[in-house]
C-alpha atoms as a PDB file:
ATOM      1  CA  MET A   1      53.433  37.943  37.756  1.00  0.00           C
ATOM      2  CA  PRO A   2      51.363  34.724  37.389  1.00  0.00           C
ATOM      3  CA  THR A   3      47.599  35.098  37.624  1.00  0.00           C
ATOM      4  CA  THR A   4      45.307  32.481  39.150  1.00  0.00           C
ATOM      5  CA  TRP A   5      42.141  32.143  37.097  1.00  0.00           C
ATOM      6  CA  HIS A   6      40.630  29.042  38.736  1.00  0.00           C
ATOM      7  CA  ARG A   7      38.887  31.119  41.407  1.00  0.00           C
ATOM      8  CA  ARG A   8      37.563  34.586  40.612  1.00  0.00           C
ATOM      9  CA  VAL A   9      34.778  36.726  41.987  1.00  0.00           C
ATOM     10  CA  ASN A  10      33.068  39.408  39.899  1.00  0.00           C
ATOM     11  CA  ILE A  11      29.882  41.476  39.884  1.00  0.00           C
ATOM     12  CA  LEU A  12      27.074  40.039  37.737  1.00  0.00           C
ATOM     13  CA  SER A  13      25.734  42.424  35.142  1.00  0.00           C
ATOM     14  CA  ALA A  14      23.389  40.088  33.252  1.00  0.00           C
ATOM     15  CA  SER A  15      21.864  36.598  33.220  1.00  0.00           C
ATOM     16  CA  VAL A  16      23.992  33.632  32.233  1.00  0.00           C
ATOM     17  CA  LEU A  17      23.342  30.931  29.680  1.00  0.00           C
ATOM     18  CA  ALA A  18      20.595  28.510  30.723  1.00  0.00           C
ATOM     19  CA  THR A  19      22.610  25.686  29.179  1.00  0.00           C
ATOM     20  CA  PRO A  20      26.105  25.433  30.679  1.00  0.00           C
ATOM     21  CA  PRO A  21      29.077  24.570  28.461  1.00  0.00           C
ATOM     22  CA  SER A  22      30.083  20.906  28.469  1.00  0.00           C
ATOM     23  CA  GLY A  23      31.932  19.996  31.673  1.00  0.00           C
ATOM     24  CA  SER A  24      30.426  22.949  33.537  1.00  0.00           C
ATOM     25  CA  LEU A  25      28.041  23.037  36.450  1.00  0.00           C
ATOM     26  CA  ILE A  26      25.939  26.102  37.251  1.00  0.00           C
ATOM     27  CA  VAL A  27      24.787  26.439  40.841  1.00  0.00           C
ATOM     28  CA  VAL A  28      22.579  29.225  42.190  1.00  0.00           C
ATOM     29  CA  ALA A  29      22.539  30.387  45.796  1.00  0.00           C
ATOM     30  CA  ALA A  30      20.894  33.073  47.886  1.00  0.00           C
ATOM     31  CA  ALA A  31      22.280  35.402  50.480  1.00  0.00           C
ATOM     32  CA  LEU A  32      19.073  35.729  52.495  1.00  0.00           C
ATOM     33  CA  VAL A  33      19.360  38.931  54.536  1.00  0.00           C
ATOM     34  CA  ASP A  34      17.155  39.472  57.586  1.00  0.00           C
ATOM     35  CA  ARG A  35      16.088  42.850  59.051  1.00  0.00           C
ATOM     36  CA  ASP A  36      19.169  42.878  61.306  1.00  0.00           C
ATOM     37  CA  GLY A  37      21.543  42.512  58.328  1.00  0.00           C
ATOM     38  CA  ARG A  38      22.373  38.878  59.097  1.00  0.00           C
ATOM     39  CA  LEU A  39      22.788  36.215  56.430  1.00  0.00           C
ATOM     40  CA  LEU A  40      21.402  32.682  56.498  1.00  0.00           C
ATOM     41  CA  VAL A  41      23.796  29.780  55.962  1.00  0.00           C
ATOM     42  CA  GLN A  42      23.057  26.080  56.115  1.00  0.00           C
ATOM     43  CA  GLN A  43      25.234  23.142  57.064  1.00  0.00           C
ATOM     44  CA  ARG A  44      25.587  20.383  54.461  1.00  0.00           C
ATOM     45  CA  PRO A  45      24.171  17.036  55.671  1.00  0.00           C
ATOM     46  CA  GLU A  46      26.077  13.806  56.250  1.00  0.00           C
ATOM     47  CA  GLY A  47      26.374  11.568  53.220  1.00  0.00           C
ATOM     48  CA  LYS A  48      26.679  14.490  50.778  1.00  0.00           C
ATOM     49  CA  PRO A  49      29.893  15.835  49.243  1.00  0.00           C
ATOM     50  CA  MET A  50      31.488  18.425  51.550  1.00  0.00           C
ATOM     51  CA  ALA A  51      29.336  17.242  54.482  1.00  0.00           C
ATOM     52  CA  GLY A  52      29.494  19.498  57.520  1.00  0.00           C
ATOM     53  CA  LEU A  53      30.536  22.621  55.579  1.00  0.00           C
ATOM     54  CA  TRP A  54      28.418  25.782  55.745  1.00  0.00           C
ATOM     55  CA  GLU A  55      26.991  27.218  52.534  1.00  0.00           C
ATOM     56  CA  PHE A  56      24.499  29.661  51.135  1.00  0.00           C
ATOM     57  CA  PRO A  57      21.190  27.890  50.352  1.00  0.00           C
ATOM     58  CA  GLY A  58      20.560  26.973  46.732  1.00  0.00           C
ATOM     59  CA  GLY A  59      21.362  24.251  44.255  1.00  0.00           C
ATOM     60  CA  LYS A  60      21.949  23.095  40.708  1.00  0.00           C
ATOM     61  CA  LEU A  61      20.351  24.570  37.645  1.00  0.00           C
ATOM     62  CA  GLU A  62      18.190  21.978  35.866  1.00  0.00           C
ATOM     63  CA  SER A  63      18.007  21.729  32.087  1.00  0.00           C
ATOM     64  CA  GLY A  64      15.961  24.574  30.592  1.00  0.00           C
ATOM     65  CA  GLU A  65      15.682  26.466  33.890  1.00  0.00           C
ATOM     66  CA  THR A  66      16.670  30.083  34.323  1.00  0.00           C
ATOM     67  CA  PRO A  67      18.923  30.813  37.317  1.00  0.00           C
ATOM     68  CA  GLU A  68      16.090  32.697  39.041  1.00  0.00           C
ATOM     69  CA  ALA A  69      13.555  29.882  38.537  1.00  0.00           C
ATOM     70  CA  ALA A  70      16.083  27.359  39.847  1.00  0.00           C
ATOM     71  CA  LEU A  71      16.765  29.451  42.944  1.00  0.00           C
ATOM     72  CA  ILE A  72      13.066  29.945  43.684  1.00  0.00           C
ATOM     73  CA  ARG A  73      12.557  26.166  43.400  1.00  0.00           C
ATOM     74  CA  GLU A  74      15.623  25.350  45.523  1.00  0.00           C
ATOM     75  CA  LEU A  75      14.694  27.799  48.308  1.00  0.00           C
ATOM     76  CA  ASN A  76      11.241  26.248  48.491  1.00  0.00           C
ATOM     77  CA  GLU A  77      12.651  22.688  48.557  1.00  0.00           C
ATOM     78  CA  GLU A  78      15.482  23.414  51.021  1.00  0.00           C
ATOM     79  CA  LEU A  79      13.926  26.012  53.340  1.00  0.00           C
ATOM     80  CA  ALA A  80      10.144  25.836  52.732  1.00  0.00           C
ATOM     81  CA  ILE A  81      10.018  29.545  51.842  1.00  0.00           C
ATOM     82  CA  ASP A  82       8.450  31.280  48.851  1.00  0.00           C
ATOM     83  CA  VAL A  83      10.380  33.938  46.952  1.00  0.00           C
ATOM     84  CA  ASP A  84       9.181  36.131  44.100  1.00  0.00           C
ATOM     85  CA  HIS A  85      11.445  36.611  41.081  1.00  0.00           C
ATOM     86  CA  SER A  86      11.388  40.396  41.704  1.00  0.00           C
ATOM     87  CA  CYS A  87      12.974  39.876  45.150  1.00  0.00           C
ATOM     88  CA  LEU A  88      16.148  38.269  43.745  1.00  0.00           C
ATOM     89  CA  ALA A  89      18.950  40.727  43.054  1.00  0.00           C
ATOM     90  CA  PRO A  90      21.971  39.328  41.160  1.00  0.00           C
ATOM     91  CA  ALA A  91      25.003  40.073  43.333  1.00  0.00           C
ATOM     92  CA  CYS A  92      28.166  38.252  42.312  1.00  0.00           C
ATOM     93  CA  PHE A  93      29.560  34.945  41.151  1.00  0.00           C
ATOM     94  CA  ALA A  94      32.443  32.619  41.925  1.00  0.00           C
ATOM     95  CA  SER A  95      34.263  30.302  39.551  1.00  0.00           C
ATOM     96  CA  ASP A  96      36.119  27.208  40.737  1.00  0.00           C
ATOM     97  CA  MET A  97      37.076  23.683  39.748  1.00  0.00           C
ATOM     98  CA  LEU A  98      35.028  20.914  41.350  1.00  0.00           C
ATOM     99  CA  GLY A  99      36.883  17.704  40.541  1.00  0.00           C
ATOM    100  CA  ASP A 100      37.062  17.594  36.742  1.00  0.00           C
ATOM    101  CA  ARG A 101      34.140  20.015  36.278  1.00  0.00           C
ATOM    102  CA  HIS A 102      34.057  23.780  36.216  1.00  0.00           C
ATOM    103  CA  LEU A 103      31.666  25.215  38.826  1.00  0.00           C
ATOM    104  CA  LEU A 104      30.022  28.589  38.337  1.00  0.00           C
ATOM    105  CA  LEU A 105      28.227  29.740  41.503  1.00  0.00           C
ATOM    106  CA  LEU A 106      25.739  32.574  40.975  1.00  0.00           C
ATOM    107  CA  LEU A 107      24.840  34.418  44.169  1.00  0.00           C
ATOM    108  CA  TYR A 108      21.683  36.503  44.531  1.00  0.00           C
ATOM    109  CA  ILE A 109      20.713  38.746  47.445  1.00  0.00           C
ATOM    110  CA  CYS A 110      17.198  38.306  48.772  1.00  0.00           C
ATOM    111  CA  ARG A 111      15.692  40.487  51.520  1.00  0.00           C
ATOM    112  CA  LYS A 112      12.032  39.482  51.213  1.00  0.00           C
ATOM    113  CA  TRP A 113      10.345  36.061  51.284  1.00  0.00           C
ATOM    114  CA  ARG A 114       7.241  34.372  52.650  1.00  0.00           C
ATOM    115  CA  GLY A 115       7.512  31.888  55.505  1.00  0.00           C
ATOM    116  CA  SER A 116      10.183  31.140  58.083  1.00  0.00           C
ATOM    117  CA  PRO A 117      13.225  29.217  56.840  1.00  0.00           C
ATOM    118  CA  ILE A 118      13.214  25.617  58.076  1.00  0.00           C
ATOM    119  CA  ALA A 119      16.067  23.191  57.372  1.00  0.00           C
ATOM    120  CA  GLN A 120      14.445  20.564  55.132  1.00  0.00           C
ATOM    121  CA  HIS A 121      17.674  18.777  54.152  1.00  0.00           C
ATOM    122  CA  ALA A 122      20.451  20.699  55.891  1.00  0.00           C
ATOM    123  CA  ARG A 123      21.891  19.644  59.218  1.00  0.00           C
ATOM    124  CA  ALA A 124      21.432  23.143  60.694  1.00  0.00           C
ATOM    125  CA  LEU A 125      20.758  26.787  59.882  1.00  0.00           C
ATOM    126  CA  ARG A 126      22.510  29.858  61.287  1.00  0.00           C
ATOM    127  CA  TRP A 127      21.929  33.608  60.924  1.00  0.00           C
ATOM    128  CA  LEU A 128      25.270  35.431  60.987  1.00  0.00           C
ATOM    129  CA  ARG A 129      26.676  38.863  60.218  1.00  0.00           C
ATOM    130  CA  PRO A 130      28.869  38.901  57.076  1.00  0.00           C
ATOM    131  CA  LEU A 131      32.058  39.315  59.140  1.00  0.00           C
ATOM    132  CA  GLU A 132      31.193  36.191  61.173  1.00  0.00           C
ATOM    133  CA  LEU A 133      31.116  34.066  57.998  1.00  0.00           C
ATOM    134  CA  HIS A 134      34.936  34.165  57.890  1.00  0.00           C
ATOM    135  CA  THR A 135      34.998  31.816  60.912  1.00  0.00           C
ATOM    136  CA  LEU A 136      33.017  29.064  59.167  1.00  0.00           C
ATOM    137  CA  GLU A 137      34.311  26.143  57.144  1.00  0.00           C
ATOM    138  CA  MET A 138      32.737  26.723  53.728  1.00  0.00           C
ATOM    139  CA  PRO A 139      33.096  25.205  50.254  1.00  0.00           C
ATOM    140  CA  PRO A 140      35.864  26.858  48.212  1.00  0.00           C
ATOM    141  CA  ALA A 141      33.384  28.574  45.855  1.00  0.00           C
ATOM    142  CA  ASP A 142      31.392  30.172  48.720  1.00  0.00           C
ATOM    143  CA  LYS A 143      34.308  31.565  50.731  1.00  0.00           C
ATOM    144  CA  PRO A 144      35.450  34.313  48.307  1.00  0.00           C
ATOM    145  CA  LEU A 145      31.922  35.750  48.176  1.00  0.00           C
ATOM    146  CA  ILE A 146      32.061  36.869  51.819  1.00  0.00           C
ATOM    147  CA  GLY A 147      34.104  39.993  51.166  1.00  0.00           C
ATOM    148  CA  LEU A 148      31.658  41.214  48.548  1.00  0.00           C
ATOM    149  CA  LEU A 149      28.722  40.517  50.850  1.00  0.00           C
ATOM    150  CA  GLU A 150      30.379  42.609  53.559  1.00  0.00           C
ATOM    151  CA  ALA A 151      30.263  45.558  51.159  1.00  0.00           C
ATOM    152  CA  LEU A 152      26.751  44.875  49.802  1.00  0.00           C
ATOM    153  CA  VAL A 153      24.768  44.023  52.939  1.00  0.00           C
END
């Protein structure tokens, strides 16, 4: 039976390399969980690749950055919230091709932050239960993470 390796989801057990292999792109994202067990997703703005799709907030790892430092920076830039390193729990990852590059999306769960999320660059924000995420149009790397979030949240 043929196996498809271009898109896999697994549990993270340790940090990843701070320097991605050539042709790879590491992206970090957060599943922000509120007190009601809902998750925050943001809609990609016009003029960006995959505009209009819903995604977990986060962004690209910069050279020399750890995944946690990148996510803390991205959440502050995108949502104007402050997150402590100790509040980020590695959850799972997705692997996919993005054009001619290999994308590795690292997803962390975060239940505690300072401030109220405000869309700084996104078109809109929505708080949804994990099951409701199946109804959204999401980037290919985000979609397979939903099932794991249903079990974790």
